N, C-alpha and C. Protein backbone atom coordinates (compact mmCIF):
# COMPACT_ATOMS: atom_id res chain seq x y z
N MET A 1 -5.91 -11.51 -16.22
CA MET A 1 -5.97 -10.62 -15.07
C MET A 1 -5.60 -11.37 -13.79
N ILE A 2 -6.03 -12.61 -13.67
CA ILE A 2 -5.76 -13.37 -12.45
C ILE A 2 -4.26 -13.56 -12.25
N ALA A 3 -3.53 -13.83 -13.35
CA ALA A 3 -2.08 -14.00 -13.24
C ALA A 3 -1.42 -12.71 -12.77
N ALA A 4 -1.91 -11.56 -13.25
CA ALA A 4 -1.35 -10.27 -12.84
C ALA A 4 -1.62 -10.02 -11.36
N LEU A 5 -2.80 -10.37 -10.88
CA LEU A 5 -3.12 -10.20 -9.46
C LEU A 5 -2.26 -11.12 -8.60
N GLN A 6 -2.03 -12.34 -9.06
CA GLN A 6 -1.17 -13.26 -8.32
C GLN A 6 0.27 -12.74 -8.28
N GLN A 7 0.72 -12.14 -9.39
CA GLN A 7 2.08 -11.57 -9.43
C GLN A 7 2.18 -10.40 -8.46
N ALA A 8 1.17 -9.53 -8.44
CA ALA A 8 1.16 -8.40 -7.51
C ALA A 8 1.18 -8.91 -6.07
N ASP A 9 0.37 -9.91 -5.80
CA ASP A 9 0.31 -10.50 -4.46
C ASP A 9 1.67 -11.05 -4.04
N SER A 10 2.33 -11.82 -4.95
CA SER A 10 3.64 -12.38 -4.58
C SER A 10 4.70 -11.31 -4.44
N THR A 11 4.63 -10.25 -5.24
CA THR A 11 5.62 -9.18 -5.14
C THR A 11 5.51 -8.47 -3.79
N VAL A 12 4.28 -8.17 -3.38
CA VAL A 12 4.07 -7.52 -2.08
C VAL A 12 4.53 -8.44 -0.95
N GLN A 13 4.16 -9.70 -1.01
CA GLN A 13 4.55 -10.64 0.05
C GLN A 13 6.07 -10.80 0.10
N ALA A 14 6.73 -10.79 -1.05
CA ALA A 14 8.20 -10.91 -1.09
C ALA A 14 8.86 -9.71 -0.40
N ALA A 15 8.30 -8.51 -0.59
CA ALA A 15 8.85 -7.32 0.05
C ALA A 15 8.72 -7.42 1.57
N ILE A 16 7.61 -7.95 2.04
CA ILE A 16 7.42 -8.14 3.48
C ILE A 16 8.37 -9.21 4.01
N ASP A 17 8.46 -10.32 3.29
CA ASP A 17 9.34 -11.42 3.71
C ASP A 17 10.81 -10.98 3.75
N ALA A 18 11.19 -10.06 2.85
CA ALA A 18 12.57 -9.57 2.80
C ALA A 18 12.83 -8.49 3.86
N GLY A 19 11.78 -8.09 4.59
CA GLY A 19 11.94 -7.08 5.63
C GLY A 19 12.00 -5.66 5.11
N LEU A 20 11.57 -5.45 3.86
CA LEU A 20 11.58 -4.10 3.28
C LEU A 20 10.48 -3.23 3.88
N VAL A 21 9.36 -3.83 4.20
CA VAL A 21 8.23 -3.14 4.84
C VAL A 21 7.58 -4.11 5.81
N PRO A 22 6.99 -3.61 6.91
CA PRO A 22 6.32 -4.52 7.84
C PRO A 22 4.98 -5.00 7.30
N GLY A 23 4.35 -4.18 6.46
CA GLY A 23 3.06 -4.53 5.90
C GLY A 23 2.61 -3.47 4.93
N THR A 24 1.54 -3.75 4.23
CA THR A 24 1.01 -2.80 3.26
C THR A 24 -0.42 -3.18 2.90
N VAL A 25 -1.06 -2.30 2.16
CA VAL A 25 -2.39 -2.58 1.62
C VAL A 25 -2.30 -2.40 0.12
N LEU A 26 -2.82 -3.36 -0.61
CA LEU A 26 -2.84 -3.31 -2.06
C LEU A 26 -4.29 -3.20 -2.52
N LEU A 27 -4.58 -2.18 -3.32
CA LEU A 27 -5.90 -2.03 -3.89
C LEU A 27 -5.71 -1.79 -5.38
N ILE A 28 -6.36 -2.60 -6.18
CA ILE A 28 -6.31 -2.44 -7.63
C ILE A 28 -7.74 -2.20 -8.09
N ALA A 29 -7.93 -1.10 -8.82
CA ALA A 29 -9.26 -0.74 -9.29
C ALA A 29 -9.20 -0.36 -10.77
N ARG A 30 -10.31 -0.54 -11.43
CA ARG A 30 -10.41 -0.15 -12.84
C ARG A 30 -11.83 0.35 -13.08
N ASP A 31 -11.92 1.51 -13.70
CA ASP A 31 -13.22 2.11 -14.02
C ASP A 31 -14.13 2.19 -12.80
N GLY A 32 -13.55 2.54 -11.66
CA GLY A 32 -14.33 2.71 -10.44
C GLY A 32 -14.69 1.42 -9.73
N GLU A 33 -14.28 0.29 -10.26
CA GLU A 33 -14.59 -1.00 -9.64
C GLU A 33 -13.34 -1.58 -8.98
N THR A 34 -13.46 -1.96 -7.71
CA THR A 34 -12.35 -2.58 -7.01
C THR A 34 -12.21 -4.02 -7.50
N LEU A 35 -11.03 -4.32 -8.05
CA LEU A 35 -10.75 -5.66 -8.56
C LEU A 35 -10.06 -6.54 -7.52
N HIS A 36 -9.27 -5.89 -6.66
CA HIS A 36 -8.49 -6.63 -5.67
C HIS A 36 -8.18 -5.70 -4.52
N GLU A 37 -8.41 -6.16 -3.31
CA GLU A 37 -8.07 -5.37 -2.12
C GLU A 37 -7.64 -6.35 -1.03
N LYS A 38 -6.42 -6.14 -0.53
CA LYS A 38 -5.89 -7.07 0.47
C LYS A 38 -4.89 -6.36 1.37
N ALA A 39 -4.93 -6.69 2.65
CA ALA A 39 -3.96 -6.19 3.62
C ALA A 39 -2.94 -7.29 3.88
N TYR A 40 -1.68 -6.89 4.04
CA TYR A 40 -0.59 -7.83 4.26
C TYR A 40 0.21 -7.41 5.48
N GLY A 41 0.68 -8.36 6.25
CA GLY A 41 1.64 -8.08 7.32
C GLY A 41 1.08 -7.28 8.48
N PHE A 42 1.94 -6.39 8.99
CA PHE A 42 1.63 -5.63 10.19
C PHE A 42 1.69 -4.12 9.94
N ALA A 43 0.90 -3.38 10.71
CA ALA A 43 0.90 -1.92 10.60
C ALA A 43 2.23 -1.36 11.09
N SER A 44 2.78 -1.96 12.13
CA SER A 44 4.08 -1.55 12.67
C SER A 44 4.64 -2.67 13.52
N LEU A 45 5.94 -2.81 13.46
CA LEU A 45 6.60 -3.82 14.29
C LEU A 45 7.32 -3.19 15.48
N VAL A 46 7.46 -1.84 15.43
CA VAL A 46 8.23 -1.11 16.44
C VAL A 46 7.33 -0.07 17.10
N GLY A 47 7.41 0.02 18.42
CA GLY A 47 6.62 1.00 19.15
C GLY A 47 7.25 2.38 19.12
N ALA A 48 6.56 3.35 19.71
CA ALA A 48 7.05 4.74 19.75
C ALA A 48 8.38 4.85 20.49
N ASP A 49 8.66 3.90 21.37
CA ASP A 49 9.92 3.92 22.13
C ASP A 49 11.07 3.24 21.37
N GLY A 50 10.80 2.76 20.16
CA GLY A 50 11.84 2.13 19.36
C GLY A 50 12.03 0.64 19.63
N ARG A 51 11.25 0.10 20.53
CA ARG A 51 11.36 -1.33 20.85
C ARG A 51 10.40 -2.15 20.00
N MET A 52 10.82 -3.38 19.72
CA MET A 52 9.95 -4.30 18.98
C MET A 52 8.68 -4.56 19.78
N LEU A 53 7.55 -4.52 19.13
CA LEU A 53 6.27 -4.78 19.78
C LEU A 53 6.10 -6.28 20.02
N GLU A 54 5.61 -6.62 21.20
CA GLU A 54 5.35 -8.04 21.50
C GLU A 54 4.16 -8.56 20.71
N ALA A 55 3.16 -7.70 20.52
CA ALA A 55 1.96 -8.08 19.77
C ALA A 55 1.66 -7.00 18.74
N PRO A 56 2.37 -7.02 17.60
CA PRO A 56 2.15 -5.98 16.60
C PRO A 56 0.73 -6.02 16.02
N GLU A 57 0.24 -4.85 15.65
CA GLU A 57 -1.11 -4.73 15.08
C GLU A 57 -1.10 -5.20 13.63
N ARG A 58 -2.01 -6.10 13.29
CA ARG A 58 -2.13 -6.57 11.91
C ARG A 58 -2.59 -5.43 11.01
N MET A 59 -2.12 -5.41 9.80
CA MET A 59 -2.55 -4.42 8.82
C MET A 59 -3.99 -4.74 8.42
N THR A 60 -4.78 -3.70 8.19
CA THR A 60 -6.16 -3.87 7.74
C THR A 60 -6.36 -3.04 6.48
N THR A 61 -7.37 -3.38 5.71
CA THR A 61 -7.62 -2.63 4.46
C THR A 61 -8.10 -1.21 4.72
N ASP A 62 -8.53 -0.92 5.94
CA ASP A 62 -8.96 0.45 6.24
C ASP A 62 -7.98 1.18 7.17
N HIS A 63 -6.74 0.70 7.22
CA HIS A 63 -5.72 1.33 8.06
C HIS A 63 -5.45 2.77 7.59
N VAL A 64 -5.29 3.69 8.53
CA VAL A 64 -4.98 5.09 8.21
C VAL A 64 -3.47 5.26 8.27
N PHE A 65 -2.89 5.74 7.15
CA PHE A 65 -1.45 5.91 7.06
C PHE A 65 -1.06 7.37 7.28
N ASP A 66 0.05 7.60 7.97
CA ASP A 66 0.61 8.93 8.13
C ASP A 66 1.56 9.14 6.95
N LEU A 67 1.17 9.98 6.01
CA LEU A 67 1.97 10.17 4.80
C LEU A 67 3.13 11.13 5.01
N ALA A 68 3.03 11.98 6.02
CA ALA A 68 4.12 12.91 6.37
C ALA A 68 4.74 13.55 5.14
N SER A 69 6.02 13.32 4.91
CA SER A 69 6.73 14.00 3.83
C SER A 69 6.40 13.45 2.44
N LEU A 70 5.56 12.45 2.36
CA LEU A 70 5.17 11.92 1.05
C LEU A 70 3.99 12.66 0.43
N THR A 71 3.38 13.56 1.19
CA THR A 71 2.18 14.23 0.72
C THR A 71 2.38 14.92 -0.62
N LYS A 72 3.47 15.69 -0.76
CA LYS A 72 3.70 16.42 -2.01
C LYS A 72 3.87 15.47 -3.19
N VAL A 73 4.65 14.43 -3.00
CA VAL A 73 4.89 13.47 -4.08
C VAL A 73 3.60 12.77 -4.49
N LEU A 74 2.84 12.30 -3.52
CA LEU A 74 1.61 11.59 -3.82
C LEU A 74 0.56 12.50 -4.44
N ALA A 75 0.41 13.69 -3.90
CA ALA A 75 -0.58 14.62 -4.44
C ALA A 75 -0.23 15.01 -5.87
N THR A 76 1.05 15.27 -6.13
CA THR A 76 1.48 15.64 -7.47
C THR A 76 1.28 14.47 -8.44
N THR A 77 1.67 13.28 -8.03
CA THR A 77 1.51 12.10 -8.89
C THR A 77 0.04 11.86 -9.20
N PHE A 78 -0.81 11.95 -8.19
CA PHE A 78 -2.23 11.76 -8.40
C PHE A 78 -2.78 12.81 -9.37
N GLY A 79 -2.38 14.06 -9.17
CA GLY A 79 -2.84 15.14 -10.03
C GLY A 79 -2.42 14.94 -11.48
N VAL A 80 -1.17 14.56 -11.68
CA VAL A 80 -0.66 14.33 -13.04
C VAL A 80 -1.38 13.14 -13.68
N MET A 81 -1.58 12.07 -12.93
CA MET A 81 -2.27 10.90 -13.49
C MET A 81 -3.73 11.21 -13.83
N LEU A 82 -4.34 12.08 -13.05
CA LEU A 82 -5.71 12.50 -13.34
C LEU A 82 -5.75 13.25 -14.67
N LEU A 83 -4.77 14.14 -14.88
CA LEU A 83 -4.70 14.87 -16.15
C LEU A 83 -4.41 13.93 -17.32
N VAL A 84 -3.56 12.95 -17.11
CA VAL A 84 -3.29 11.96 -18.16
C VAL A 84 -4.56 11.18 -18.49
N ASP A 85 -5.27 10.76 -17.46
CA ASP A 85 -6.51 10.01 -17.65
C ASP A 85 -7.54 10.81 -18.45
N ARG A 86 -7.56 12.11 -18.23
CA ARG A 86 -8.49 12.99 -18.94
C ARG A 86 -7.99 13.35 -20.34
N GLY A 87 -6.76 12.97 -20.65
CA GLY A 87 -6.18 13.29 -21.96
C GLY A 87 -5.72 14.72 -22.07
N GLU A 88 -5.52 15.39 -20.94
CA GLU A 88 -5.11 16.79 -20.96
C GLU A 88 -3.61 16.95 -21.05
N ILE A 89 -2.86 15.90 -20.78
CA ILE A 89 -1.40 15.93 -20.99
C ILE A 89 -0.96 14.57 -21.52
């Protein structure tokens, strides 16, 4: 399990280092128990005016994300995975 967590950690950090995302939060849980929870990078590097922030806000594990157009995809995926977990599909 530790090797898998280290791989997840390096994968997330590589995405940030490559500039794919400014930051993210990774939470891995099993059977209701949190196995790993970590915040990486920054919540945003660009302000509302489109300019780079001089002091970007660090990402935190309790950061609130605006899901906007991802709501349908995430809700559907969660619903399907819940049904799979219950053995209903």
